[in-house]
Amino acid sequence: MNTLKNTSHAPRIVYQPDQSVIKISGVSILENAPAYFEPVFAMATKFLEENNSLEVVFHLEYFNTGTSVCFKVLLDSIHRHKHDKPVQIKWRYDKEDQEIMENGQAIEELTGLEFIYEAV
């Protein structure tokens, strides 16, 4: 398992190659979100090339527009590379934070991938 630790501006990212799982959690208010998320784009593509499935778990407290664009780029890339492989996108949110849930729904609609929503 590899981890990029979270900071006050950057989310925690956990790669679990043995399970083909990428987890993104915390707060993401990065000024240069594409540079930060570039390794995630590469890892998702690699997981899909080397494994039969992929699971991406989002559990964000807050994220800015730059981050949402990166999420869309990531999910669009997954959509293009998944072929017939199963991909599961989980969108976890605080049960009292409807805005984060609605943000997930907006990204889901833009990408065409089906999300699983989990209120925690």
PDB file of N, CA and C in Angstrom:
ATOM      1  N   MET A   1       0.852  -1.179   0.000  1.00  0.00           N
ATOM      2  CA  MET A   1       0.000   0.000   0.000  1.00  0.00           C
ATOM      3  C   MET A   1       0.889   1.232   0.000  1.00  0.00           C
ATOM      4  N   ASN A   2       0.568   2.172  -0.848  1.00  0.00           N
ATOM      5  CA  ASN A   2       1.282   3.443  -0.916  1.00  0.00           C
ATOM      6  C   ASN A   2       0.312   4.554  -0.529  1.00  0.00           C
ATOM      7  N   THR A   3       0.850   5.573   0.166  1.00  0.00           N
ATOM      8  CA  THR A   3      -0.005   6.648   0.641  1.00  0.00           C
ATOM      9  C   THR A   3       0.646   7.998   0.421  1.00  0.00           C
ATOM     10  N   LEU A   4      -0.147   8.941  -0.085  1.00  0.00           N
ATOM     11  CA  LEU A   4       0.227  10.352  -0.074  1.00  0.00           C
ATOM     12  C   LEU A   4      -0.531  10.943   1.101  1.00  0.00           C
ATOM     13  N   LYS A   5       0.180  11.417   2.090  1.00  0.00           N
ATOM     14  CA  LYS A   5      -0.470  11.926   3.293  1.00  0.00           C
ATOM     15  C   LYS A   5      -1.165  13.252   3.022  1.00  0.00           C
ATOM     16  N   ASN A   6      -2.276  13.419   3.714  1.00  0.00           N
ATOM     17  CA  ASN A   6      -3.019  14.654   3.554  1.00  0.00           C
ATOM     18  C   ASN A   6      -2.345  15.804   4.293  1.00  0.00           C
ATOM     19  N   THR A   7      -2.655  16.999   3.822  1.00  0.00           N
ATOM     20  CA  THR A   7      -2.227  18.235   4.473  1.00  0.00           C
ATOM     21  C   THR A   7      -3.481  19.094   4.640  1.00  0.00           C
ATOM     22  N   SER A   8      -3.314  20.308   5.073  1.00  0.00           N
ATOM     23  CA  SER A   8      -4.478  21.185   5.211  1.00  0.00           C
ATOM     24  C   SER A   8      -5.073  21.556   3.845  1.00  0.00           C
ATOM     25  N   HIS A   9      -4.296  21.360   2.771  1.00  0.00           N
ATOM     26  CA  HIS A   9      -4.764  21.713   1.425  1.00  0.00           C
ATOM     27  C   HIS A   9      -4.899  20.526   0.477  1.00  0.00           C
ATOM     28  N   ALA A  10      -4.324  19.395   0.856  1.00  0.00           N
ATOM     29  CA  ALA A  10      -4.267  18.255  -0.061  1.00  0.00           C
ATOM     30  C   ALA A  10      -4.906  17.016   0.557  1.00  0.00           C
ATOM     31  N   PRO A  11      -5.597  16.233  -0.255  1.00  0.00           N
ATOM     32  CA  PRO A  11      -6.249  15.035   0.265  1.00  0.00           C
ATOM     33  C   PRO A  11      -5.256  13.893   0.496  1.00  0.00           C
ATOM     34  N   ARG A  12      -5.680  12.953   1.289  1.00  0.00           N
ATOM     35  CA  ARG A  12      -4.921  11.712   1.481  1.00  0.00           C
ATOM     36  C   ARG A  12      -5.285  10.794   0.320  1.00  0.00           C
ATOM     37  N   ILE A  13      -4.274  10.203  -0.278  1.00  0.00           N
ATOM     38  CA  ILE A  13      -4.500   9.280  -1.380  1.00  0.00           C
ATOM     39  C   ILE A  13      -3.821   7.964  -1.026  1.00  0.00           C
ATOM     40  N   VAL A  14      -4.591   6.894  -1.046  1.00  0.00           N
ATOM     41  CA  VAL A  14      -4.083   5.569  -0.716  1.00  0.00           C
ATOM     42  C   VAL A  14      -4.219   4.688  -1.948  1.00  0.00           C
ATOM     43  N   TYR A  15      -3.108   4.062  -2.339  1.00  0.00           N
ATOM     44  CA  TYR A  15      -3.103   3.102  -3.438  1.00  0.00           C
ATOM     45  C   TYR A  15      -2.977   1.710  -2.823  1.00  0.00           C
ATOM     46  N   GLN A  16      -3.887   0.827  -3.163  1.00  0.00           N
ATOM     47  CA  GLN A  16      -3.814  -0.550  -2.713  1.00  0.00           C
ATOM     48  C   GLN A  16      -3.742  -1.449  -3.947  1.00  0.00           C
ATOM     49  N   PRO A  17      -2.542  -1.609  -4.503  1.00  0.00           N
ATOM     50  CA  PRO A  17      -2.418  -2.345  -5.759  1.00  0.00           C
ATOM     51  C   PRO A  17      -2.895  -3.796  -5.672  1.00  0.00           C
ATOM     52  N   ASP A  18      -2.711  -4.426  -4.520  1.00  0.00           N
ATOM     53  CA  ASP A  18      -3.125  -5.822  -4.378  1.00  0.00           C
ATOM     54  C   ASP A  18      -4.640  -5.984  -4.473  1.00  0.00           C
ATOM     55  N   GLN A  19      -5.380  -4.913  -4.230  1.00  0.00           N
ATOM     56  CA  GLN A  19      -6.840  -4.956  -4.300  1.00  0.00           C
ATOM     57  C   GLN A  19      -7.392  -4.073  -5.423  1.00  0.00           C
ATOM     58  N   SER A  20      -6.531  -3.439  -6.187  1.00  0.00           N
ATOM     59  CA  SER A  20      -6.925  -2.506  -7.254  1.00  0.00           C
ATOM     60  C   SER A  20      -7.851  -1.418  -6.732  1.00  0.00           C
ATOM     61  N   VAL A  21      -7.439  -0.794  -5.621  1.00  0.00           N
ATOM     62  CA  VAL A  21      -8.246   0.237  -4.985  1.00  0.00           C
ATOM     63  C   VAL A  21      -7.435   1.527  -4.867  1.00  0.00           C
ATOM     64  N   ILE A  22      -8.092   2.642  -5.158  1.00  0.00           N
ATOM     65  CA  ILE A  22      -7.542   3.981  -4.929  1.00  0.00           C
ATOM     66  C   ILE A  22      -8.548   4.708  -4.045  1.00  0.00           C
ATOM     67  N   LYS A  23      -8.065   5.254  -2.919  1.00  0.00           N
ATOM     68  CA  LYS A  23      -8.930   5.994  -2.007  1.00  0.00           C
ATOM     69  C   LYS A  23      -8.451   7.440  -1.925  1.00  0.00           C
ATOM     70  N   ILE A  24      -9.380   8.364  -2.044  1.00  0.00           N
ATOM     71  CA  ILE A  24      -9.083   9.797  -1.972  1.00  0.00           C
ATOM     72  C   ILE A  24      -9.968  10.385  -0.883  1.00  0.00           C
ATOM     73  N   SER A  25      -9.343  11.001   0.131  1.00  0.00           N
ATOM     74  CA  SER A  25     -10.145  11.494   1.250  1.00  0.00           C
ATOM     75  C   SER A  25      -9.581  12.783   1.825  1.00  0.00           C
ATOM     76  N   GLY A  26     -10.467  13.525   2.487  1.00  0.00           N
ATOM     77  CA  GLY A  26     -10.057  14.743   3.174  1.00  0.00           C
ATOM     78  C   GLY A  26     -10.501  15.999   2.460  1.00  0.00           C
ATOM     79  N   VAL A  27      -9.629  16.991   2.509  1.00  0.00           N
ATOM     80  CA  VAL A  27      -9.876  18.297   1.913  1.00  0.00           C
ATOM     81  C   VAL A  27      -8.929  18.475   0.732  1.00  0.00           C
ATOM     82  N   SER A  28      -9.427  19.058  -0.358  1.00  0.00           N
ATOM     83  CA  SER A  28      -8.573  19.320  -1.508  1.00  0.00           C
ATOM     84  C   SER A  28      -8.848  20.725  -2.025  1.00  0.00           C
ATOM     85  N   ILE A  29      -7.959  21.633  -1.643  1.00  0.00           N
ATOM     86  CA  ILE A  29      -8.039  23.023  -2.119  1.00  0.00           C
ATOM     87  C   ILE A  29      -6.683  23.423  -2.689  1.00  0.00           C
ATOM     88  N   LEU A  30      -6.224  22.599  -3.606  1.00  0.00           N
ATOM     89  CA  LEU A  30      -4.905  22.764  -4.205  1.00  0.00           C
ATOM     90  C   LEU A  30      -4.897  23.863  -5.261  1.00  0.00           C
ATOM     91  N   GLU A  31      -3.805  24.613  -5.299  1.00  0.00           N
ATOM     92  CA  GLU A  31      -3.655  25.620  -6.348  1.00  0.00           C
ATOM     93  C   GLU A  31      -3.292  24.976  -7.674  1.00  0.00           C
ATOM     94  N   ASN A  32      -2.509  23.895  -7.627  1.00  0.00           N
ATOM     95  CA  ASN A  32      -2.107  23.186  -8.840  1.00  0.00           C
ATOM     96  C   ASN A  32      -2.568  21.738  -8.740  1.00  0.00           C
ATOM     97  N   ALA A  33      -3.867  21.547  -8.753  1.00  0.00           N
ATOM     98  CA  ALA A  33      -4.445  20.213  -8.599  1.00  0.00           C
ATOM     99  C   ALA A  33      -3.968  19.228  -9.666  1.00  0.00           C
ATOM    100  N   PRO A  34      -3.851  19.612 -10.943  1.00  0.00           N
ATOM    101  CA  PRO A  34      -3.405  18.636 -11.941  1.00  0.00           C
ATOM    102  C   PRO A  34      -2.041  18.014 -11.614  1.00  0.00           C
ATOM    103  N   ALA A  35      -1.116  18.799 -11.127  1.00  0.00           N
ATOM    104  CA  ALA A  35       0.202  18.258 -10.783  1.00  0.00           C
ATOM    105  C   ALA A  35       0.099  17.267  -9.625  1.00  0.00           C
ATOM    106  N   TYR A  36      -0.726  17.580  -8.649  1.00  0.00           N
ATOM    107  CA  TYR A  36      -0.884  16.698  -7.492  1.00  0.00           C
ATOM    108  C   TYR A  36      -1.551  15.378  -7.883  1.00  0.00           C
ATOM    109  N   PHE A  37      -2.544  15.452  -8.747  1.00  0.00           N
ATOM    110  CA  PHE A  37      -3.305  14.255  -9.111  1.00  0.00           C
ATOM    111  C   PHE A  37      -2.703  13.459 -10.265  1.00  0.00           C
ATOM    112  N   GLU A  38      -1.671  13.968 -10.912  1.00  0.00           N
ATOM    113  CA  GLU A  38      -1.056  13.249 -12.033  1.00  0.00           C
ATOM    114  C   GLU A  38      -0.691  11.802 -11.679  1.00  0.00           C
ATOM    115  N   PRO A  39      -0.078  11.535 -10.509  1.00  0.00           N
ATOM    116  CA  PRO A  39       0.226  10.136 -10.169  1.00  0.00           C
ATOM    117  C   PRO A  39      -1.035   9.271 -10.025  1.00  0.00           C
ATOM    118  N   VAL A  40      -2.134   9.873  -9.627  1.00  0.00           N
ATOM    119  CA  VAL A  40      -3.392   9.127  -9.499  1.00  0.00           C
ATOM    120  C   VAL A  40      -3.897   8.725 -10.877  1.00  0.00           C
ATOM    121  N   PHE A  41      -3.801   9.634 -11.843  1.00  0.00           N
ATOM    122  CA  PHE A  41      -4.204   9.315 -13.215  1.00  0.00           C
ATOM    123  C   PHE A  41      -3.397   8.117 -13.721  1.00  0.00           C
ATOM    124  N   ALA A  42      -2.091   8.174 -13.514  1.00  0.00           N
ATOM    125  CA  ALA A  42      -1.209   7.100 -13.984  1.00  0.00           C
ATOM    126  C   ALA A  42      -1.510   5.789 -13.269  1.00  0.00           C
ATOM    127  N   MET A  43      -1.741   5.844 -11.965  1.00  0.00           N
ATOM    128  CA  MET A  43      -2.007   4.630 -11.202  1.00  0.00           C
ATOM    129  C   MET A  43      -3.322   3.980 -11.631  1.00  0.00           C
ATOM    130  N   ALA A  44      -4.343   4.762 -11.867  1.00  0.00           N
ATOM    131  CA  ALA A  44      -5.630   4.211 -12.294  1.00  0.00           C
ATOM    132  C   ALA A  44      -5.488   3.489 -13.632  1.00  0.00           C
ATOM    133  N   THR A  45      -4.780   4.108 -14.562  1.00  0.00           N
ATOM    134  CA  THR A  45      -4.558   3.477 -15.863  1.00  0.00           C
ATOM    135  C   THR A  45      -3.771   2.182 -15.703  1.00  0.00           C
ATOM    136  N   LYS A  46      -2.732   2.223 -14.875  1.00  0.00           N
ATOM    137  CA  LYS A  46      -1.916   1.026 -14.631  1.00  0.00           C
ATOM    138  C   LYS A  46      -2.748  -0.091 -14.007  1.00  0.00           C
ATOM    139  N   PHE A  47      -3.569   0.242 -13.013  1.00  0.00           N
ATOM    140  CA  PHE A  47      -4.419  -0.769 -12.380  1.00  0.00           C
ATOM    141  C   PHE A  47      -5.320  -1.430 -13.418  1.00  0.00           C
ATOM    142  N   LEU A  48      -5.912  -0.636 -14.300  1.00  0.00           N
ATOM    143  CA  LEU A  48      -6.812  -1.203 -15.296  1.00  0.00           C
ATOM    144  C   LEU A  48      -6.068  -2.046 -16.326  1.00  0.00           C
ATOM    145  N   GLU A  49      -4.839  -1.687 -16.637  1.00  0.00           N
ATOM    146  CA  GLU A  49      -4.050  -2.477 -17.587  1.00  0.00           C
ATOM    147  C   GLU A  49      -3.611  -3.801 -16.983  1.00  0.00           C
ATOM    148  N   GLU A  50      -3.289  -3.801 -15.679  1.00  0.00           N
ATOM    149  CA  GLU A  50      -2.698  -4.979 -15.038  1.00  0.00           C
ATOM    150  C   GLU A  50      -3.692  -5.843 -14.274  1.00  0.00           C
ATOM    151  N   ASN A  51      -4.888  -5.353 -14.018  1.00  0.00           N
ATOM    152  CA  ASN A  51      -5.852  -6.083 -13.205  1.00  0.00           C
ATOM    153  C   ASN A  51      -7.189  -6.189 -13.921  1.00  0.00           C
ATOM    154  N   ASN A  52      -8.062  -6.962 -13.327  1.00  0.00           N
ATOM    155  CA  ASN A  52      -9.365  -7.181 -13.938  1.00  0.00           C
ATOM    156  C   ASN A  52     -10.439  -6.234 -13.437  1.00  0.00           C
ATOM    157  N   SER A  53     -10.077  -5.351 -12.506  1.00  0.00           N
ATOM    158  CA  SER A  53     -11.081  -4.443 -11.955  1.00  0.00           C
ATOM    159  C   SER A  53     -10.396  -3.236 -11.333  1.00  0.00           C
ATOM    160  N   LEU A  54     -11.216  -2.280 -10.937  1.00  0.00           N
ATOM    161  CA  LEU A  54     -10.722  -1.097 -10.242  1.00  0.00           C
ATOM    162  C   LEU A  54     -11.835  -0.556  -9.356  1.00  0.00           C
ATOM    163  N   GLU A  55     -11.450  -0.139  -8.152  1.00  0.00           N
ATOM    164  CA  GLU A  55     -12.380   0.532  -7.253  1.00  0.00           C
ATOM    165  C   GLU A  55     -11.756   1.863  -6.855  1.00  0.00           C
ATOM    166  N   VAL A  56     -12.531   2.927  -6.980  1.00  0.00           N
ATOM    167  CA  VAL A  56     -12.096   4.248  -6.550  1.00  0.00           C
ATOM    168  C   VAL A  56     -13.073   4.716  -5.481  1.00  0.00           C
ATOM    169  N   VAL A  57     -12.530   5.086  -4.321  1.00  0.00           N
ATOM    170  CA  VAL A  57     -13.364   5.521  -3.205  1.00  0.00           C
ATOM    171  C   VAL A  57     -13.045   6.976  -2.897  1.00  0.00           C
ATOM    172  N   PHE A  58     -14.056   7.816  -3.005  1.00  0.00           N
ATOM    173  CA  PHE A  58     -13.930   9.228  -2.647  1.00  0.00           C
ATOM    174  C   PHE A  58     -14.604   9.437  -1.298  1.00  0.00           C
ATOM    175  N   HIS A  59     -13.939  10.162  -0.423  1.00  0.00           N
ATOM    176  CA  HIS A  59     -14.562  10.559   0.847  1.00  0.00           C
ATOM    177  C   HIS A  59     -14.011  11.938   1.194  1.00  0.00           C
ATOM    178  N   LEU A  60     -14.609  12.957   0.589  1.00  0.00           N
ATOM    179  CA  LEU A  60     -14.124  14.318   0.702  1.00  0.00           C
ATOM    180  C   LEU A  60     -14.952  15.127   1.685  1.00  0.00           C
ATOM    181  N   GLU A  61     -14.269  15.984   2.394  1.00  0.00           N
ATOM    182  CA  GLU A  61     -14.941  16.944   3.269  1.00  0.00           C
ATOM    183  C   GLU A  61     -15.228  18.232   2.501  1.00  0.00           C
ATOM    184  N   TYR A  62     -14.299  18.596   1.620  1.00  0.00           N
ATOM    185  CA  TYR A  62     -14.439  19.792   0.810  1.00  0.00           C
ATOM    186  C   TYR A  62     -13.448  19.704  -0.335  1.00  0.00           C
ATOM    187  N   PHE A  63     -13.826  20.229  -1.500  1.00  0.00           N
ATOM    188  CA  PHE A  63     -12.878  20.327  -2.612  1.00  0.00           C
ATOM    189  C   PHE A  63     -13.253  21.515  -3.476  1.00  0.00           C
ATOM    190  N   ASN A  64     -12.224  22.068  -4.121  1.00  0.00           N
ATOM    191  CA  ASN A  64     -12.436  23.253  -4.949  1.00  0.00           C
ATOM    192  C   ASN A  64     -12.671  22.862  -6.411  1.00  0.00           C
ATOM    193  N   THR A  65     -12.891  23.873  -7.232  1.00  0.00           N
ATOM    194  CA  THR A  65     -13.194  23.648  -8.640  1.00  0.00           C
ATOM    195  C   THR A  65     -12.059  22.940  -9.368  1.00  0.00           C
ATOM    196  N   GLY A  66     -10.808  23.337  -9.076  1.00  0.00           N
ATOM    197  CA  GLY A  66      -9.662  22.682  -9.718  1.00  0.00           C
ATOM    198  C   GLY A  66      -9.628  21.197  -9.426  1.00  0.00           C
ATOM    199  N   THR A  67      -9.967  20.831  -8.213  1.00  0.00           N
ATOM    200  CA  THR A  67     -10.006  19.419  -7.846  1.00  0.00           C
ATOM    201  C   THR A  67     -11.139  18.702  -8.562  1.00  0.00           C
ATOM    202  N   SER A  68     -12.309  19.338  -8.659  1.00  0.00           N
ATOM    203  CA  SER A  68     -13.430  18.676  -9.331  1.00  0.00           C
ATOM    204  C   SER A  68     -13.101  18.421 -10.799  1.00  0.00           C
ATOM    205  N   VAL A  69     -12.372  19.338 -11.422  1.00  0.00           N
ATOM    206  CA  VAL A  69     -11.930  19.120 -12.808  1.00  0.00           C
ATOM    207  C   VAL A  69     -11.007  17.900 -12.873  1.00  0.00           C
ATOM    208  N   CYS A  70     -10.113  17.774 -11.914  1.00  0.00           N
ATOM    209  CA  CYS A  70      -9.214  16.611 -11.878  1.00  0.00           C
ATOM    210  C   CYS A  70      -9.984  15.309 -11.671  1.00  0.00           C
ATOM    211  N   PHE A  71     -11.012  15.342 -10.828  1.00  0.00           N
ATOM    212  CA  PHE A  71     -11.831  14.150 -10.638  1.00  0.00           C
ATOM    213  C   PHE A  71     -12.508  13.757 -11.947  1.00  0.00           C
ATOM    214  N   LYS A  72     -12.990  14.742 -12.673  1.00  0.00           N
ATOM    215  CA  LYS A  72     -13.623  14.442 -13.959  1.00  0.00           C
ATOM    216  C   LYS A  72     -12.604  13.863 -14.941  1.00  0.00           C
ATOM    217  N   VAL A  73     -11.412  14.442 -15.000  1.00  0.00           N
ATOM    218  CA  VAL A  73     -10.359  13.921 -15.886  1.00  0.00           C
ATOM    219  C   VAL A  73     -10.019  12.478 -15.508  1.00  0.00           C
ATOM    220  N   LEU A  74      -9.865  12.224 -14.214  1.00  0.00           N
ATOM    221  CA  LEU A  74      -9.564  10.875 -13.726  1.00  0.00           C
ATOM    222  C   LEU A  74     -10.657   9.894 -14.144  1.00  0.00           C
ATOM    223  N   LEU A  75     -11.882  10.246 -13.888  1.00  0.00           N
ATOM    224  CA  LEU A  75     -12.985   9.335 -14.183  1.00  0.00           C
ATOM    225  C   LEU A  75     -13.214   9.173 -15.682  1.00  0.00           C
ATOM    226  N   ASP A  76     -12.992  10.219 -16.458  1.00  0.00           N
ATOM    227  CA  ASP A  76     -13.067  10.085 -17.913  1.00  0.00           C
ATOM    228  C   ASP A  76     -12.006   9.118 -18.427  1.00  0.00           C
ATOM    229  N   SER A  77     -10.808   9.213 -17.872  1.00  0.00           N
ATOM    230  CA  SER A  77      -9.725   8.310 -18.251  1.00  0.00           C
ATOM    231  C   SER A  77     -10.072   6.867 -17.889  1.00  0.00           C
ATOM    232  N   ILE A  78     -10.617   6.681 -16.700  1.00  0.00           N
ATOM    233  CA  ILE A  78     -11.043   5.336 -16.285  1.00  0.00           C
ATOM    234  C   ILE A  78     -12.102   4.809 -17.241  1.00  0.00           C
ATOM    235  N   HIS A  79     -13.052   5.651 -17.596  1.00  0.00           N
ATOM    236  CA  HIS A  79     -14.125   5.245 -18.505  1.00  0.00           C
ATOM    237  C   HIS A  79     -13.546   4.787 -19.848  1.00  0.00           C
ATOM    238  N   ARG A  80     -12.553   5.520 -20.358  1.00  0.00           N
ATOM    239  CA  ARG A  80     -11.930   5.171 -21.646  1.00  0.00           C
ATOM    240  C   ARG A  80     -11.126   3.881 -21.576  1.00  0.00           C
ATOM    241  N   HIS A  81     -10.480   3.607 -20.449  1.00  0.00           N
ATOM    242  CA  HIS A  81      -9.575   2.463 -20.341  1.00  0.00           C
ATOM    243  C   HIS A  81     -10.206   1.209 -19.737  1.00  0.00           C
ATOM    244  N   LYS A  82     -11.432   1.294 -19.266  1.00  0.00           N
ATOM    245  CA  LYS A  82     -11.998   0.161 -18.536  1.00  0.00           C
ATOM    246  C   LYS A  82     -12.410  -0.993 -19.440  1.00  0.00           C
ATOM    247  N   HIS A  83     -12.748  -0.689 -20.674  1.00  0.00           N
ATOM    248  CA  HIS A  83     -13.232  -1.696 -21.614  1.00  0.00           C
ATOM    249  C   HIS A  83     -14.357  -2.486 -20.938  1.00  0.00           C
ATOM    250  N   ASP A  84     -14.228  -3.789 -20.794  1.00  0.00           N
ATOM    251  CA  ASP A  84     -15.287  -4.578 -20.159  1.00  0.00           C
ATOM    252  C   ASP A  84     -14.968  -4.911 -18.708  1.00  0.00           C
ATOM    253  N   LYS A  85     -13.956  -4.302 -18.159  1.00  0.00           N
ATOM    254  CA  LYS A  85     -13.562  -4.595 -16.778  1.00  0.00           C
ATOM    255  C   LYS A  85     -14.490  -3.874 -15.804  1.00  0.00           C
ATOM    256  N   PRO A  86     -14.821  -4.536 -14.699  1.00  0.00           N
ATOM    257  CA  PRO A  86     -15.691  -3.870 -13.722  1.00  0.00           C
ATOM    258  C   PRO A  86     -14.967  -2.736 -12.999  1.00  0.00           C
ATOM    259  N   VAL A  87     -15.644  -1.607 -12.931  1.00  0.00           N
ATOM    260  CA  VAL A  87     -15.130  -0.437 -12.222  1.00  0.00           C
ATOM    261  C   VAL A  87     -16.206  -0.014 -11.228  1.00  0.00           C
ATOM    262  N   GLN A  88     -15.785   0.182 -10.000  1.00  0.00           N
ATOM    263  CA  GLN A  88     -16.721   0.615  -8.963  1.00  0.00           C
ATOM    264  C   GLN A  88     -16.252   1.957  -8.413  1.00  0.00           C
ATOM    265  N   ILE A  89     -17.148   2.936  -8.438  1.00  0.00           N
ATOM    266  CA  ILE A  89     -16.858   4.262  -7.903  1.00  0.00           C
ATOM    267  C   ILE A  89     -17.742   4.459  -6.680  1.00  0.00           C
ATOM    268  N   LYS A  90     -17.120   4.614  -5.525  1.00  0.00           N
ATOM    269  CA  LYS A  90     -17.865   4.857  -4.292  1.00  0.00           C
ATOM    270  C   LYS A  90     -17.678   6.321  -3.898  1.00  0.00           C
ATOM    271  N   TRP A  91     -18.783   6.962  -3.608  1.00  0.00           N
ATOM    272  CA  TRP A  91     -18.765   8.361  -3.183  1.00  0.00           C
ATOM    273  C   TRP A  91     -19.314   8.399  -1.762  1.00  0.00           C
ATOM    274  N   ARG A  92     -18.413   8.508  -0.797  1.00  0.00           N
ATOM    275  CA  ARG A  92     -18.809   8.576   0.605  1.00  0.00           C
ATOM    276  C   ARG A  92     -18.922  10.036   1.019  1.00  0.00           C
ATOM    277  N   TYR A  93     -19.891  10.308   1.861  1.00  0.00           N
ATOM    278  CA  TYR A  93     -20.099  11.686   2.308  1.00  0.00           C
ATOM    279  C   TYR A  93     -20.719  11.657   3.697  1.00  0.00           C
ATOM    280  N   ASP A  94     -20.487  12.715   4.435  1.00  0.00           N
ATOM    281  CA  ASP A  94     -21.108  12.868   5.747  1.00  0.00           C
ATOM    282  C   ASP A  94     -22.611  12.951   5.529  1.00  0.00           C
ATOM    283  N   LYS A  95     -23.361  12.155   6.274  1.00  0.00           N
ATOM    284  CA  LYS A  95     -24.811  12.080   6.055  1.00  0.00           C
ATOM    285  C   LYS A  95     -25.513  13.425   6.182  1.00  0.00           C
ATOM    286  N   GLU A  96     -24.870  14.396   6.811  1.00  0.00           N
ATOM    287  CA  GLU A  96     -25.469  15.719   6.964  1.00  0.00           C
ATOM    288  C   GLU A  96     -24.940  16.722   5.937  1.00  0.00           C
ATOM    289  N   ASP A  97     -24.105  16.269   5.017  1.00  0.00           N
ATOM    290  CA  ASP A  97     -23.504  17.165   4.028  1.00  0.00           C
ATOM    291  C   ASP A  97     -24.075  16.886   2.639  1.00  0.00           C
ATOM    292  N   GLN A  98     -25.229  17.437   2.383  1.00  0.00           N
ATOM    293  CA  GLN A  98     -25.901  17.224   1.101  1.00  0.00           C
ATOM    294  C   GLN A  98     -25.125  17.837  -0.062  1.00  0.00           C
ATOM    295  N   GLU A  99     -24.385  18.901   0.201  1.00  0.00           N
ATOM    296  CA  GLU A  99     -23.635  19.558  -0.870  1.00  0.00           C
ATOM    297  C   GLU A  99     -22.577  18.622  -1.456  1.00  0.00           C
ATOM    298  N   ILE A 100     -21.857  17.902  -0.608  1.00  0.00           N
ATOM    299  CA  ILE A 100     -20.844  16.962  -1.108  1.00  0.00           C
ATOM    300  C   ILE A 100     -21.521  15.842  -1.897  1.00  0.00           C
ATOM    301  N   MET A 101     -22.667  15.354  -1.416  1.00  0.00           N
ATOM    302  CA  MET A 101     -23.391  14.324  -2.148  1.00  0.00           C
ATOM    303  C   MET A 101     -23.812  14.854  -3.521  1.00  0.00           C
ATOM    304  N   GLU A 102     -24.340  16.076  -3.566  1.00  0.00           N
ATOM    305  CA  GLU A 102     -24.777  16.666  -4.830  1.00  0.00           C
ATOM    306  C   GLU A 102     -23.601  16.910  -5.769  1.00  0.00           C
ATOM    307  N   ASN A 103     -22.446  17.257  -5.220  1.00  0.00           N
ATOM    308  CA  ASN A 103     -21.248  17.410  -6.053  1.00  0.00           C
ATOM    309  C   ASN A 103     -20.887  16.079  -6.706  1.00  0.00           C
ATOM    310  N   GLY A 104     -21.009  15.002  -5.948  1.00  0.00           N
ATOM    311  CA  GLY A 104     -20.772  13.671  -6.512  1.00  0.00           C
ATOM    312  C   GLY A 104     -21.747  13.357  -7.628  1.00  0.00           C
ATOM    313  N   GLN A 105     -23.008  13.695  -7.427  1.00  0.00           N
ATOM    314  CA  GLN A 105     -24.014  13.444  -8.457  1.00  0.00           C
ATOM    315  C   GLN A 105     -23.709  14.230  -9.731  1.00  0.00           C
ATOM    316  N   ALA A 106     -23.219  15.454  -9.572  1.00  0.00           N
ATOM    317  CA  ALA A 106     -22.877  16.264 -10.748  1.00  0.00           C
ATOM    318  C   ALA A 106     -21.707  15.640 -11.508  1.00  0.00           C
ATOM    319  N   ILE A 107     -20.699  15.169 -10.784  1.00  0.00           N
ATOM    320  CA  ILE A 107     -19.548  14.525 -11.439  1.00  0.00           C
ATOM    321  C   ILE A 107     -19.978  13.220 -12.091  1.00  0.00           C
ATOM    322  N   GLU A 108     -20.827  12.473 -11.416  1.00  0.00           N
ATOM    323  CA  GLU A 108     -21.338  11.217 -11.981  1.00  0.00           C
ATOM    324  C   GLU A 108     -22.036  11.483 -13.313  1.00  0.00           C
ATOM    325  N   GLU A 109     -22.877  12.497 -13.339  1.00  0.00           N
ATOM    326  CA  GLU A 109     -23.617  12.830 -14.549  1.00  0.00           C
ATOM    327  C   GLU A 109     -22.677  13.221 -15.688  1.00  0.00           C
ATOM    328  N   LEU A 110     -21.627  13.961 -15.364  1.00  0.00           N
ATOM    329  CA  LEU A 110     -20.680  14.402 -16.393  1.00  0.00           C
ATOM    330  C   LEU A 110     -19.839  13.261 -16.960  1.00  0.00           C
ATOM    331  N   THR A 111     -19.556  12.249 -16.150  1.00  0.00           N
ATOM    332  CA  THR A 111     -18.655  11.180 -16.580  1.00  0.00           C
ATOM    333  C   THR A 111     -19.357   9.980 -17.182  1.00  0.00           C
ATOM    334  N   GLY A 112     -20.619   9.775 -16.829  1.00  0.00           N
ATOM    335  CA  GLY A 112     -21.327   8.609 -17.343  1.00  0.00           C
ATOM    336  C   GLY A 112     -21.026   7.328 -16.592  1.00  0.00           C
ATOM    337  N   LEU A 113     -20.226   7.400 -15.546  1.00  0.00           N
ATOM    338  CA  LEU A 113     -19.960   6.235 -14.697  1.00  0.00           C
ATOM    339  C   LEU A 113     -20.982   6.217 -13.569  1.00  0.00           C
ATOM    340  N   GLU A 114     -21.396   5.038 -13.180  1.00  0.00           N
ATOM    341  CA  GLU A 114     -22.366   4.925 -12.095  1.00  0.00           C
ATOM    342  C   GLU A 114     -21.642   4.931 -10.753  1.00  0.00           C
ATOM    343  N   PHE A 115     -22.108   5.776  -9.838  1.00  0.00           N
ATOM    344  CA  PHE A 115     -21.522   5.867  -8.500  1.00  0.00           C
ATOM    345  C   PHE A 115     -22.382   5.086  -7.505  1.00  0.00           C
ATOM    346  N   ILE A 116     -21.741   4.639  -6.461  1.00  0.00           N
ATOM    347  CA  ILE A 116     -22.411   4.072  -5.305  1.00  0.00           C
ATOM    348  C   ILE A 116     -22.256   5.116  -4.190  1.00  0.00           C
ATOM    349  N   TYR A 117     -23.367   5.567  -3.635  1.00  0.00           N
ATOM    350  CA  TYR A 117     -23.328   6.602  -2.607  1.00  0.00           C
ATOM    351  C   TYR A 117     -23.460   5.968  -1.230  1.00  0.00           C
ATOM    352  N   GLU A 118     -22.585   6.395  -0.330  1.00  0.00           N
ATOM    353  CA  GLU A 118     -22.597   5.881   1.033  1.00  0.00           C
ATOM    354  C   GLU A 118     -22.560   7.034   2.017  1.00  0.00           C
ATOM    355  N   ALA A 119     -23.663   7.227   2.734  1.00  0.00           N
ATOM    356  CA  ALA A 119     -23.703   8.241   3.792  1.00  0.00           C
ATOM    357  C   ALA A 119     -23.049   7.640   5.036  1.00  0.00           C
ATOM    358  N   VAL A 120     -22.090   8.354   5.585  1.00  0.00           N
ATOM    359  CA  VAL A 120     -21.385   7.860   6.789  1.00  0.00           C
ATOM    360  C   VAL A 120     -21.481   8.863   7.916  1.00  0.00           C
TER     361      VAL A 120
END
